[in-house]
PDB file of N, CA and C in Angstrom:
ATOM      1  N   MET A   1      23.784  45.023  87.892  1.00  0.00           N
ATOM      2  CA  MET A   1      23.877  45.600  86.512  1.00  0.00           C
ATOM      3  C   MET A   1      24.485  44.623  85.395  1.00  0.00           C
ATOM      4  N   ARG A   2      23.336  44.931  84.037  1.00  0.00           N
ATOM      5  CA  ARG A   2      23.741  44.032  83.204  1.00  0.00           C
ATOM      6  C   ARG A   2      24.821  44.915  82.056  1.00  0.00           C
ATOM      7  N   LEU A   3      25.906  43.767  81.710  1.00  0.00           N
ATOM      8  CA  LEU A   3      26.259  44.338  80.871  1.00  0.00           C
ATOM      9  C   LEU A   3      26.311  44.002  79.728  1.00  0.00           C
ATOM     10  N   SER A   4      25.611  45.012  78.719  1.00  0.00           N
ATOM     11  CA  SER A   4      24.968  45.157  77.613  1.00  0.00           C
ATOM     12  C   SER A   4      26.550  44.928  76.645  1.00  0.00           C
ATOM     13  N   GLY A   5      26.220  44.849  75.516  1.00  0.00           N
ATOM     14  CA  GLY A   5      27.362  44.509  74.321  1.00  0.00           C
ATOM     15  C   GLY A   5      26.679  45.795  73.543  1.00  0.00           C
ATOM     16  N   SER A   6      27.517  46.723  72.323  1.00  0.00           N
ATOM     17  CA  SER A   6      27.532  47.405  71.649  1.00  0.00           C
ATOM     18  C   SER A   6      26.667  47.408  70.728  1.00  0.00           C
ATOM     19  N   TRP A   7      26.708  46.539  70.319  1.00  0.00           N
ATOM     20  CA  TRP A   7      25.411  45.912  69.482  1.00  0.00           C
ATOM     21  C   TRP A   7      24.137  45.629  69.704  1.00  0.00           C
ATOM     22  N   GLN A   8      24.150  45.968  71.213  1.00  0.00           N
ATOM     23  CA  GLN A   8      22.728  45.656  71.786  1.00  0.00           C
ATOM     24  C   GLN A   8      21.273  46.824  71.166  1.00  0.00           C
ATOM     25  N   SER A   9      20.322  46.945  71.618  1.00  0.00           N
ATOM     26  CA  SER A   9      19.075  47.466  70.877  1.00  0.00           C
ATOM     27  C   SER A   9      18.838  47.932  72.819  1.00  0.00           C
ATOM     28  N   VAL A  10      17.641  48.713  72.624  1.00  0.00           N
ATOM     29  CA  VAL A  10      17.120  49.033  73.449  1.00  0.00           C
ATOM     30  C   VAL A  10      16.139  47.420  74.342  1.00  0.00           C
ATOM     31  N   TRP A  11      15.301  47.051  72.981  1.00  0.00           N
ATOM     32  CA  TRP A  11      14.363  45.960  72.963  1.00  0.00           C
ATOM     33  C   TRP A  11      14.641  44.635  73.445  1.00  0.00           C
ATOM     34  N   ASP A  12      16.442  44.525  73.323  1.00  0.00           N
ATOM     35  CA  ASP A  12      16.793  43.208  72.897  1.00  0.00           C
ATOM     36  C   ASP A  12      16.523  42.663  75.006  1.00  0.00           C
ATOM     37  N   ASP A  13      16.112  43.202  76.360  1.00  0.00           N
ATOM     38  CA  ASP A  13      16.509  43.121  77.009  1.00  0.00           C
ATOM     39  C   ASP A  13      14.658  42.522  77.071  1.00  0.00           C
ATOM     40  N   ARG A  14      14.132  43.299  76.679  1.00  0.00           N
ATOM     41  CA  ARG A  14      12.578  42.815  76.697  1.00  0.00           C
ATOM     42  C   ARG A  14      12.584  41.520  76.284  1.00  0.00           C
ATOM     43  N   ILE A  15      12.932  41.272  75.050  1.00  0.00           N
ATOM     44  CA  ILE A  15      12.845  39.838  74.240  1.00  0.00           C
ATOM     45  C   ILE A  15      13.877  39.089  75.184  1.00  0.00           C
ATOM     46  N   LEU A  16      14.801  38.887  75.587  1.00  0.00           N
ATOM     47  CA  LEU A  16      15.348  37.875  75.932  1.00  0.00           C
ATOM     48  C   LEU A  16      13.786  37.799  77.799  1.00  0.00           C
ATOM     49  N   GLU A  17      13.504  38.883  78.559  1.00  0.00           N
ATOM     50  CA  GLU A  17      12.941  38.611  79.485  1.00  0.00           C
ATOM     51  C   GLU A  17      11.712  37.758  78.879  1.00  0.00           C
ATOM     52  N   TRP A  18      11.015  38.245  78.344  1.00  0.00           N
ATOM     53  CA  TRP A  18       9.912  36.844  77.866  1.00  0.00           C
ATOM     54  C   TRP A  18      10.289  35.924  77.370  1.00  0.00           C
ATOM     55  N   MET A  19      11.762  35.749  76.481  1.00  0.00           N
ATOM     56  CA  MET A  19      11.702  34.374  76.335  1.00  0.00           C
ATOM     57  C   MET A  19      11.633  33.387  77.582  1.00  0.00           C
ATOM     58  N   ARG A  20      12.592  34.499  78.665  1.00  0.00           N
ATOM     59  CA  ARG A  20      12.562  32.932  80.007  1.00  0.00           C
ATOM     60  C   ARG A  20      11.493  32.970  80.347  1.00  0.00           C
ATOM     61  N   GLU A  21      10.353  33.637  80.469  1.00  0.00           N
ATOM     62  CA  GLU A  21       9.341  33.767  81.042  1.00  0.00           C
ATOM     63  C   GLU A  21       8.144  33.232  80.631  1.00  0.00           C
ATOM     64  N   ASN A  22       8.629  33.041  79.211  1.00  0.00           N
ATOM     65  CA  ASN A  22       7.401  31.951  78.238  1.00  0.00           C
ATOM     66  C   ASN A  22       7.964  30.779  78.140  1.00  0.00           C
ATOM     67  N   GLU A  23       8.663  29.978  78.631  1.00  0.00           N
ATOM     68  CA  GLU A  23       8.697  27.826  77.753  1.00  0.00           C
ATOM     69  C   GLU A  23      10.169  28.474  77.542  1.00  0.00           C
ATOM     70  N   GLU A  24      11.124  29.481  77.363  1.00  0.00           N
ATOM     71  CA  GLU A  24      12.126  29.840  77.031  1.00  0.00           C
ATOM     72  C   GLU A  24      12.283  29.366  75.626  1.00  0.00           C
ATOM     73  N   THR A  25      10.978  29.235  74.786  1.00  0.00           N
ATOM     74  CA  THR A  25      11.511  29.583  73.277  1.00  0.00           C
ATOM     75  C   THR A  25      10.240  30.257  72.962  1.00  0.00           C
ATOM     76  N   GLY A  26      10.629  30.960  70.971  1.00  0.00           N
ATOM     77  CA  GLY A  26       9.533  31.512  71.346  1.00  0.00           C
ATOM     78  C   GLY A  26       9.544  32.525  69.337  1.00  0.00           C
ATOM     79  N   THR A  27       9.103  32.953  68.782  1.00  0.00           N
ATOM     80  CA  THR A  27       8.612  33.449  67.701  1.00  0.00           C
ATOM     81  C   THR A  27       8.820  35.174  68.014  1.00  0.00           C
ATOM     82  N   PRO A  28       9.705  35.338  66.564  1.00  0.00           N
ATOM     83  CA  PRO A  28       9.020  36.925  67.000  1.00  0.00           C
ATOM     84  C   PRO A  28       7.439  37.628  66.589  1.00  0.00           C
ATOM     85  N   LYS A  29       6.485  36.313  66.310  1.00  0.00           N
ATOM     86  CA  LYS A  29       5.411  36.502  66.155  1.00  0.00           C
ATOM     87  C   LYS A  29       4.700  36.667  67.912  1.00  0.00           C
ATOM     88  N   GLU A  30       4.874  35.769  68.826  1.00  0.00           N
ATOM     89  CA  GLU A  30       4.502  35.529  69.868  1.00  0.00           C
ATOM     90  C   GLU A  30       4.452  37.100  70.681  1.00  0.00           C
ATOM     91  N   VAL A  31       6.036  37.060  70.642  1.00  0.00           N
ATOM     92  CA  VAL A  31       6.755  37.870  70.662  1.00  0.00           C
ATOM     93  C   VAL A  31       6.205  39.716  70.819  1.00  0.00           C
ATOM     94  N   HIS A  32       5.980  39.669  69.386  1.00  0.00           N
ATOM     95  CA  HIS A  32       4.986  40.977  69.014  1.00  0.00           C
ATOM     96  C   HIS A  32       4.167  40.643  69.749  1.00  0.00           C
ATOM     97  N   ASP A  33       2.853  39.578  69.778  1.00  0.00           N
ATOM     98  CA  ASP A  33       1.725  39.433  69.401  1.00  0.00           C
ATOM     99  C   ASP A  33       1.736  39.977  71.389  1.00  0.00           C
ATOM    100  N   SER A  34       3.004  39.372  72.003  1.00  0.00           N
ATOM    101  CA  SER A  34       2.520  39.760  73.747  1.00  0.00           C
ATOM    102  C   SER A  34       2.709  41.624  74.015  1.00  0.00           C
ATOM    103  N   GLY A  35       2.870  42.038  73.120  1.00  0.00           N
ATOM    104  CA  GLY A  35       2.773  43.589  73.710  1.00  0.00           C
ATOM    105  C   GLY A  35       3.775  44.008  74.414  1.00  0.00           C
ATOM    106  N   LEU A  36       4.149  43.335  74.685  1.00  0.00           N
ATOM    107  CA  LEU A  36       5.860  43.712  75.327  1.00  0.00           C
ATOM    108  C   LEU A  36       7.132  44.281  74.843  1.00  0.00           C
ATOM    109  N   VAL A  37       7.312  44.213  73.171  1.00  0.00           N
ATOM    110  CA  VAL A  37       8.048  45.007  72.599  1.00  0.00           C
ATOM    111  C   VAL A  37       7.135  45.611  71.585  1.00  0.00           C
ATOM    112  N   ARG A  38       7.407  46.731  71.676  1.00  0.00           N
ATOM    113  CA  ARG A  38       6.217  47.674  71.021  1.00  0.00           C
ATOM    114  C   ARG A  38       6.946  48.477  69.433  1.00  0.00           C
ATOM    115  N   VAL A  39       7.904  47.191  68.974  1.00  0.00           N
ATOM    116  CA  VAL A  39       8.076  46.991  67.765  1.00  0.00           C
ATOM    117  C   VAL A  39       7.932  45.943  67.285  1.00  0.00           C
ATOM    118  N   SER A  40       8.210  46.672  65.158  1.00  0.00           N
ATOM    119  CA  SER A  40       7.757  45.660  64.416  1.00  0.00           C
ATOM    120  C   SER A  40       7.993  44.378  64.294  1.00  0.00           C
ATOM    121  N   ARG A  41       7.354  43.063  64.135  1.00  0.00           N
ATOM    122  CA  ARG A  41       7.707  42.399  64.172  1.00  0.00           C
ATOM    123  C   ARG A  41       8.639  41.443  63.082  1.00  0.00           C
ATOM    124  N   THR A  42       8.578  42.921  62.065  1.00  0.00           N
ATOM    125  CA  THR A  42       9.532  42.368  61.587  1.00  0.00           C
ATOM    126  C   THR A  42      11.184  42.947  62.449  1.00  0.00           C
ATOM    127  N   GLN A  43      10.922  43.728  62.779  1.00  0.00           N
ATOM    128  CA  GLN A  43      12.695  44.016  63.782  1.00  0.00           C
ATOM    129  C   GLN A  43      12.745  43.436  64.657  1.00  0.00           C
ATOM    130  N   ILE A  44      11.530  43.244  65.787  1.00  0.00           N
ATOM    131  CA  ILE A  44      12.047  42.030  66.454  1.00  0.00           C
ATOM    132  C   ILE A  44      12.464  41.195  65.728  1.00  0.00           C
ATOM    133  N   GLY A  45      12.402  39.759  64.780  1.00  0.00           N
ATOM    134  CA  GLY A  45      12.568  39.037  63.756  1.00  0.00           C
ATOM    135  C   GLY A  45      14.228  38.835  64.007  1.00  0.00           C
ATOM    136  N   ARG A  46      14.666  40.501  63.641  1.00  0.00           N
ATOM    137  CA  ARG A  46      15.832  41.467  63.286  1.00  0.00           C
ATOM    138  C   ARG A  46      16.545  41.182  64.927  1.00  0.00           C
ATOM    139  N   ARG A  47      16.288  41.424  65.712  1.00  0.00           N
ATOM    140  CA  ARG A  47      17.197  41.738  66.944  1.00  0.00           C
ATOM    141  C   ARG A  47      17.579  40.664  67.751  1.00  0.00           C
ATOM    142  N   MET A  48      16.155  38.997  66.938  1.00  0.00           N
ATOM    143  CA  MET A  48      16.349  38.193  67.246  1.00  0.00           C
ATOM    144  C   MET A  48      17.561  37.298  66.536  1.00  0.00           C
ATOM    145  N   LYS A  49      17.036  37.624  65.950  1.00  0.00           N
ATOM    146  CA  LYS A  49      18.996  37.189  65.178  1.00  0.00           C
ATOM    147  C   LYS A  49      19.925  37.578  65.192  1.00  0.00           C
ATOM    148  N   LYS A  50      20.224  39.193  65.252  1.00  0.00           N
ATOM    149  CA  LYS A  50      21.333  39.129  66.183  1.00  0.00           C
ATOM    150  C   LYS A  50      21.699  38.798  67.423  1.00  0.00           C
ATOM    151  N   LEU A  51      20.918  38.473  68.323  1.00  0.00           N
ATOM    152  CA  LEU A  51      21.063  38.119  69.841  1.00  0.00           C
ATOM    153  C   LEU A  51      21.192  37.139  70.053  1.00  0.00           C
ATOM    154  N   ALA A  52      20.775  35.782  68.248  1.00  0.00           N
ATOM    155  CA  ALA A  52      21.770  34.584  68.075  1.00  0.00           C
ATOM    156  C   ALA A  52      22.679  34.608  67.717  1.00  0.00           C
ATOM    157  N   GLU A  53      23.157  35.605  67.396  1.00  0.00           N
ATOM    158  CA  GLU A  53      24.784  35.820  66.131  1.00  0.00           C
ATOM    159  C   GLU A  53      25.493  35.479  67.512  1.00  0.00           C
ATOM    160  N   HIS A  54      25.228  36.756  68.678  1.00  0.00           N
ATOM    161  CA  HIS A  54      26.305  36.672  69.735  1.00  0.00           C
ATOM    162  C   HIS A  54      25.643  35.854  70.946  1.00  0.00           C
ATOM    163  N   GLY A  55      25.510  34.367  70.445  1.00  0.00           N
ATOM    164  CA  GLY A  55      25.158  33.328  71.361  1.00  0.00           C
ATOM    165  C   GLY A  55      23.733  33.831  73.196  1.00  0.00           C
ATOM    166  N   LEU A  56      22.677  34.426  72.554  1.00  0.00           N
ATOM    167  CA  LEU A  56      22.052  35.324  73.805  1.00  0.00           C
ATOM    168  C   LEU A  56      20.475  33.983  73.237  1.00  0.00           C
ATOM    169  N   LEU A  57      20.403  33.679  72.377  1.00  0.00           N
ATOM    170  CA  LEU A  57      19.441  33.080  71.815  1.00  0.00           C
ATOM    171  C   LEU A  57      19.988  31.927  71.112  1.00  0.00           C
ATOM    172  N   THR A  58      19.253  30.480  70.505  1.00  0.00           N
ATOM    173  CA  THR A  58      19.930  30.214  69.338  1.00  0.00           C
ATOM    174  C   THR A  58      18.243  29.512  68.630  1.00  0.00           C
ATOM    175  N   HIS A  59      18.527  29.871  67.098  1.00  0.00           N
ATOM    176  CA  HIS A  59      17.923  29.638  66.061  1.00  0.00           C
ATOM    177  C   HIS A  59      17.250  28.235  66.046  1.00  0.00           C
ATOM    178  N   VAL A  60      16.308  28.008  66.408  1.00  0.00           N
ATOM    179  CA  VAL A  60      15.915  26.285  66.155  1.00  0.00           C
ATOM    180  C   VAL A  60      14.748  25.807  65.148  1.00  0.00           C
ATOM    181  N   GLY A  61      14.688  26.720  64.082  1.00  0.00           N
ATOM    182  CA  GLY A  61      14.320  26.734  62.746  1.00  0.00           C
ATOM    183  C   GLY A  61      13.187  26.681  62.858  1.00  0.00           C
ATOM    184  N   ASN A  62      12.041  27.353  61.842  1.00  0.00           N
ATOM    185  CA  ASN A  62      10.943  28.073  61.517  1.00  0.00           C
ATOM    186  C   ASN A  62      10.814  28.855  62.308  1.00  0.00           C
ATOM    187  N   GLY A  63      11.851  29.602  62.396  1.00  0.00           N
ATOM    188  CA  GLY A  63      11.281  31.126  62.662  1.00  0.00           C
ATOM    189  C   GLY A  63      11.667  30.963  64.734  1.00  0.00           C
ATOM    190  N   ALA A  64      11.702  30.294  64.509  1.00  0.00           N
ATOM    191  CA  ALA A  64      11.517  29.914  66.014  1.00  0.00           C
ATOM    192  C   ALA A  64      12.643  29.981  67.294  1.00  0.00           C
ATOM    193  N   TYR A  65      13.269  30.466  68.169  1.00  0.00           N
ATOM    194  CA  TYR A  65      14.913  30.475  68.853  1.00  0.00           C
ATOM    195  C   TYR A  65      14.030  30.155  70.388  1.00  0.00           C
ATOM    196  N   VAL A  66      15.269  29.550  70.926  1.00  0.00           N
ATOM    197  CA  VAL A  66      14.995  29.011  72.847  1.00  0.00           C
ATOM    198  C   VAL A  66      16.212  30.168  72.966  1.00  0.00           C
ATOM    199  N   ILE A  67      16.108  30.507  74.389  1.00  0.00           N
ATOM    200  CA  ILE A  67      16.782  31.736  75.427  1.00  0.00           C
ATOM    201  C   ILE A  67      18.484  30.586  75.498  1.00  0.00           C
ATOM    202  N   THR A  68      19.342  30.457  75.327  1.00  0.00           N
ATOM    203  CA  THR A  68      20.698  30.331  76.104  1.00  0.00           C
ATOM    204  C   THR A  68      20.988  30.147  77.339  1.00  0.00           C
ATOM    205  N   GLU A  69      21.908  29.646  77.930  1.00  0.00           N
ATOM    206  CA  GLU A  69      21.943  29.809  79.292  1.00  0.00           C
ATOM    207  C   GLU A  69      23.131  30.803  79.409  1.00  0.00           C
ATOM    208  N   GLU A  70      24.002  31.357  78.243  1.00  0.00           N
ATOM    209  CA  GLU A  70      24.268  32.985  78.113  1.00  0.00           C
ATOM    210  C   GLU A  70      23.395  34.000  77.892  1.00  0.00           C
ATOM    211  N   GLY A  71      22.082  33.655  77.527  1.00  0.00           N
ATOM    212  CA  GLY A  71      21.493  34.449  77.770  1.00  0.00           C
ATOM    213  C   GLY A  71      20.086  34.447  78.973  1.00  0.00           C
ATOM    214  N   LYS A  72      20.242  34.137  79.583  1.00  0.00           N
ATOM    215  CA  LYS A  72      20.013  33.995  81.068  1.00  0.00           C
ATOM    216  C   LYS A  72      20.563  34.405  82.008  1.00  0.00           C
ATOM    217  N   ALA A  73      22.229  33.487  81.790  1.00  0.00           N
ATOM    218  CA  ALA A  73      23.029  34.547  82.893  1.00  0.00           C
ATOM    219  C   ALA A  73      23.269  35.857  82.530  1.00  0.00           C
ATOM    220  N   TYR A  74      23.056  36.613  81.140  1.00  0.00           N
ATOM    221  CA  TYR A  74      23.302  38.272  80.883  1.00  0.00           C
ATOM    222  C   TYR A  74      21.586  38.891  82.024  1.00  0.00           C
ATOM    223  N   LEU A  75      20.417  37.662  81.942  1.00  0.00           N
ATOM    224  CA  LEU A  75      19.671  38.514  82.590  1.00  0.00           C
ATOM    225  C   LEU A  75      19.494  38.280  83.908  1.00  0.00           C
ATOM    226  N   ASP A  76      20.404  37.907  84.533  1.00  0.00           N
ATOM    227  CA  ASP A  76      20.711  37.392  86.055  1.00  0.00           C
ATOM    228  C   ASP A  76      22.549  38.338  86.258  1.00  0.00           C
ATOM    229  N   GLU A  77      23.268  39.349  85.362  1.00  0.00           N
ATOM    230  CA  GLU A  77      23.223  40.045  85.812  1.00  0.00           C
ATOM    231  C   GLU A  77      25.232  39.438  86.019  1.00  0.00           C
ATOM    232  N   GLU A  78      24.708  38.314  85.287  1.00  0.00           N
ATOM    233  CA  GLU A  78      25.873  37.359  85.470  1.00  0.00           C
ATOM    234  C   GLU A  78      27.376  36.157  83.922  1.00  0.00           C
ATOM    235  N   TYR A  79      26.304  37.829  83.082  1.00  0.00           N
ATOM    236  CA  TYR A  79      27.159  37.704  81.502  1.00  0.00           C
ATOM    237  C   TYR A  79      27.622  38.862  80.998  1.00  0.00           C
ATOM    238  N   ASP A  80      28.851  38.968  80.766  1.00  0.00           N
ATOM    239  CA  ASP A  80      29.240  40.346  79.817  1.00  0.00           C
ATOM    240  C   ASP A  80      28.982  40.057  78.627  1.00  0.00           C
ATOM    241  N   ALA A  81      27.677  40.670  77.913  1.00  0.00           N
ATOM    242  CA  ALA A  81      27.304  40.668  76.577  1.00  0.00           C
ATOM    243  C   ALA A  81      28.352  41.232  75.627  1.00  0.00           C
ATOM    244  N   GLU A  82      28.846  42.274  76.148  1.00  0.00           N
ATOM    245  CA  GLU A  82      30.086  42.710  74.710  1.00  0.00           C
ATOM    246  C   GLU A  82      31.141  41.718  74.816  1.00  0.00           C
ATOM    247  N   GLU A  83      31.574  41.218  75.933  1.00  0.00           N
ATOM    248  CA  GLU A  83      33.149  40.213  76.105  1.00  0.00           C
ATOM    249  C   GLU A  83      32.875  38.910  75.619  1.00  0.00           C
ATOM    250  N   GLY A  84      31.300  38.887  76.081  1.00  0.00           N
ATOM    251  CA  GLY A  84      30.761  37.070  75.836  1.00  0.00           C
ATOM    252  C   GLY A  84      31.416  36.398  76.490  1.00  0.00           C
ATOM    253  N   VAL A  85      31.977  37.181  78.406  1.00  0.00           N
ATOM    254  CA  VAL A  85      32.525  35.294  78.843  1.00  0.00           C
ATOM    255  C   VAL A  85      31.413  36.016  80.482  1.00  0.00           C
ATOM    256  N   TYR A  86      31.325  35.126  81.135  1.00  0.00           N
ATOM    257  CA  TYR A  86      30.219  34.963  82.504  1.00  0.00           C
ATOM    258  C   TYR A  86      31.313  35.770  83.329  1.00  0.00           C
ATOM    259  N   LEU A  87      30.426  36.464  84.623  1.00  0.00           N
ATOM    260  CA  LEU A  87      31.781  37.658  85.480  1.00  0.00           C
ATOM    261  C   LEU A  87      32.238  36.848  86.498  1.00  0.00           C
ATOM    262  N   ASP A  88      31.721  35.155  86.503  1.00  0.00           N
ATOM    263  CA  ASP A  88      32.077  34.714  87.557  1.00  0.00           C
ATOM    264  C   ASP A  88      33.374  34.505  87.207  1.00  0.00           C
ATOM    265  N   GLY A  89      34.189  34.091  86.304  1.00  0.00           N
ATOM    266  CA  GLY A  89      34.933  34.024  85.686  1.00  0.00           C
ATOM    267  C   GLY A  89      35.622  32.570  85.451  1.00  0.00           C
ATOM    268  N   GLU A  90      34.018  31.882  85.584  1.00  0.00           N
ATOM    269  CA  GLU A  90      34.623  29.913  85.898  1.00  0.00           C
ATOM    270  C   GLU A  90      34.152  29.598  84.327  1.00  0.00           C
ATOM    271  N   ASN A  91      32.936  30.279  83.869  1.00  0.00           N
ATOM    272  CA  ASN A  91      32.731  29.886  82.482  1.00  0.00           C
ATOM    273  C   ASN A  91      32.782  30.567  81.396  1.00  0.00           C
ATOM    274  N   ASP A  92      33.806  31.012  80.790  1.00  0.00           N
ATOM    275  CA  ASP A  92      34.288  31.702  79.765  1.00  0.00           C
ATOM    276  C   ASP A  92      33.807  31.444  78.532  1.00  0.00           C
ATOM    277  N   ALA A  93      33.131  31.877  77.713  1.00  0.00           N
ATOM    278  CA  ALA A  93      32.360  31.618  76.581  1.00  0.00           C
ATOM    279  C   ALA A  93      33.175  31.205  75.790  1.00  0.00           C
ATOM    280  N   SER A  94      34.416  32.204  75.568  1.00  0.00           N
ATOM    281  CA  SER A  94      35.186  32.350  74.556  1.00  0.00           C
ATOM    282  C   SER A  94      36.224  31.295  74.566  1.00  0.00           C
ATOM    283  N   GLU A  95      36.506  30.818  76.376  1.00  0.00           N
ATOM    284  CA  GLU A  95      37.452  29.280  75.949  1.00  0.00           C
ATOM    285  C   GLU A  95      36.686  27.950  76.981  1.00  0.00           C
ATOM    286  N   PRO A  96      36.800  27.138  76.437  1.00  0.00           N
ATOM    287  CA  PRO A  96      36.677  26.014  77.357  1.00  0.00           C
ATOM    288  C   PRO A  96      36.928  25.578  78.527  1.00  0.00           C
ATOM    289  N   SER A  97      36.696  25.425  79.461  1.00  0.00           N
ATOM    290  CA  SER A  97      37.253  25.393  80.839  1.00  0.00           C
ATOM    291  C   SER A  97      37.750  24.130  81.207  1.00  0.00           C
ATOM    292  N   THR A  98      38.810  24.615  82.027  1.00  0.00           N
ATOM    293  CA  THR A  98      39.762  22.603  82.261  1.00  0.00           C
ATOM    294  C   THR A  98      39.083  23.032  84.168  1.00  0.00           C
ATOM    295  N   PRO A  99      39.889  21.634  83.630  1.00  0.00           N
ATOM    296  CA  PRO A  99      39.405  21.340  85.165  1.00  0.00           C
ATOM    297  C   PRO A  99      40.491  21.443  85.474  1.00  0.00           C
ATOM    298  N   ALA A 100      39.877  21.515  87.429  1.00  0.00           N
ATOM    299  CA  ALA A 100      41.495  22.521  88.847  1.00  0.00           C
ATOM    300  C   ALA A 100      42.431  21.488  88.744  1.00  0.00           C
ATOM    301  N   GLU A 101      43.543  21.684  89.227  1.00  0.00           N
ATOM    302  CA  GLU A 101      44.527  20.351  89.343  1.00  0.00           C
ATOM    303  C   GLU A 101      44.184  19.425  89.935  1.00  0.00           C
ATOM    304  N   PRO A 102      44.207  17.849  89.963  1.00  0.00           N
ATOM    305  CA  PRO A 102      43.597  17.388  91.742  1.00  0.00           C
ATOM    306  C   PRO A 102      44.913  17.775  92.562  1.00  0.00           C
ATOM    307  N   GLU A 103      44.143  17.963  93.621  1.00  0.00           N
ATOM    308  CA  GLU A 103      45.138  18.166  95.416  1.00  0.00           C
ATOM    309  C   GLU A 103      45.557  16.369  95.539  1.00  0.00           C
ATOM    310  N   THR A 104      47.203  16.971  95.531  1.00  0.00           N
ATOM    311  CA  THR A 104      48.034  15.845  96.201  1.00  0.00           C
ATOM    312  C   THR A 104      48.626  15.901  97.530  1.00  0.00           C
ATOM    313  N   ASN A 105      48.826  14.739  98.792  1.00  0.00           N
ATOM    314  CA  ASN A 105      49.043  15.035  99.925  1.00  0.00           C
ATOM    315  C   ASN A 105      50.669  13.767 100.162  1.00  0.00           C
ATOM    316  N   ASP A 106      51.176  14.953  99.732  1.00  0.00           N
ATOM    317  CA  ASP A 106      52.494  14.155 100.074  1.00  0.00           C
ATOM    318  C   ASP A 106      52.875  13.560 101.403  1.00  0.00           C
ATOM    319  N   VAL A 107      52.984  13.113 102.015  1.00  0.00           N
ATOM    320  CA  VAL A 107      53.173  12.227 103.380  1.00  0.00           C
ATOM    321  C   VAL A 107      54.702  11.910 103.415  1.00  0.00           C
TER     322      VAL A 107
END
């Protein structure tokens, strides 16, 4: 089950799904014209901006967005959008990962 954020709307999953299925990039107009998300283009643009604010999309200019690794992980049920962390604990989005301690062979 996907762990959505309290800030998310019912349309956000559909927008992210469309992004992943369509070369991982798109504009509010493209999403709207697909018919998958049945709200106005303006509302889709607002939702895409909100998804970008929370790290699930990245705005790349001229109204275009790309889905992030966090956005893909959210769709795959591997990312908690509310907490902003990966569920496996290995890729915490709020803290940089640190390498494991090297093993030593004391002889």
